[in-house]
Amino acid sequence: DDVVGATQPAALVVPSGDMALAEAAREVAAEHGVALLQPPAAELPLLEWVATLPPEGLRRWHEPRVTLCVITERRPASLERLLASVSAAHFLGDTVDLSISADADADAGTLALSRGWAWPHGA
């Protein structure tokens, strides 16, 4: 808390996983108006570029909201490849929602896949 108050960073980067550390970081970030980035520890090496962002960009880190929208019909194999690919993407701990819209004449396999896919990054 004292370090954050003295240095006034634009953001804190705290790996997710340690619940006590995450809660303390949330409290300090909220108290000082600092953006909190909580990527999985395995994604920390992917964050080198964050240091090049201007402070205002870091302060507004969580403002953009992303929803991935997929429209599908009768291509369950293609849908499965797409969903597997985006499920493996690195979102740096941010929430990305997924919306799958199947056409009225979608086949049973496509419908089952679109209803049953476990999306790990949001709703």
Foldseek 3Di string as FASTA:
>chain_A
DVVCVVVVAQEDEAEPDPVVVVVVRVVVCVVSLHHYFHFHPVCVVVCPCVVVDDSVCRSCVQVDAAEAEAEEAEDLVVVVVVLVVVLPDGPRLAAYHYHYHYDPRHDPSNVCCRVPDDRPRHD
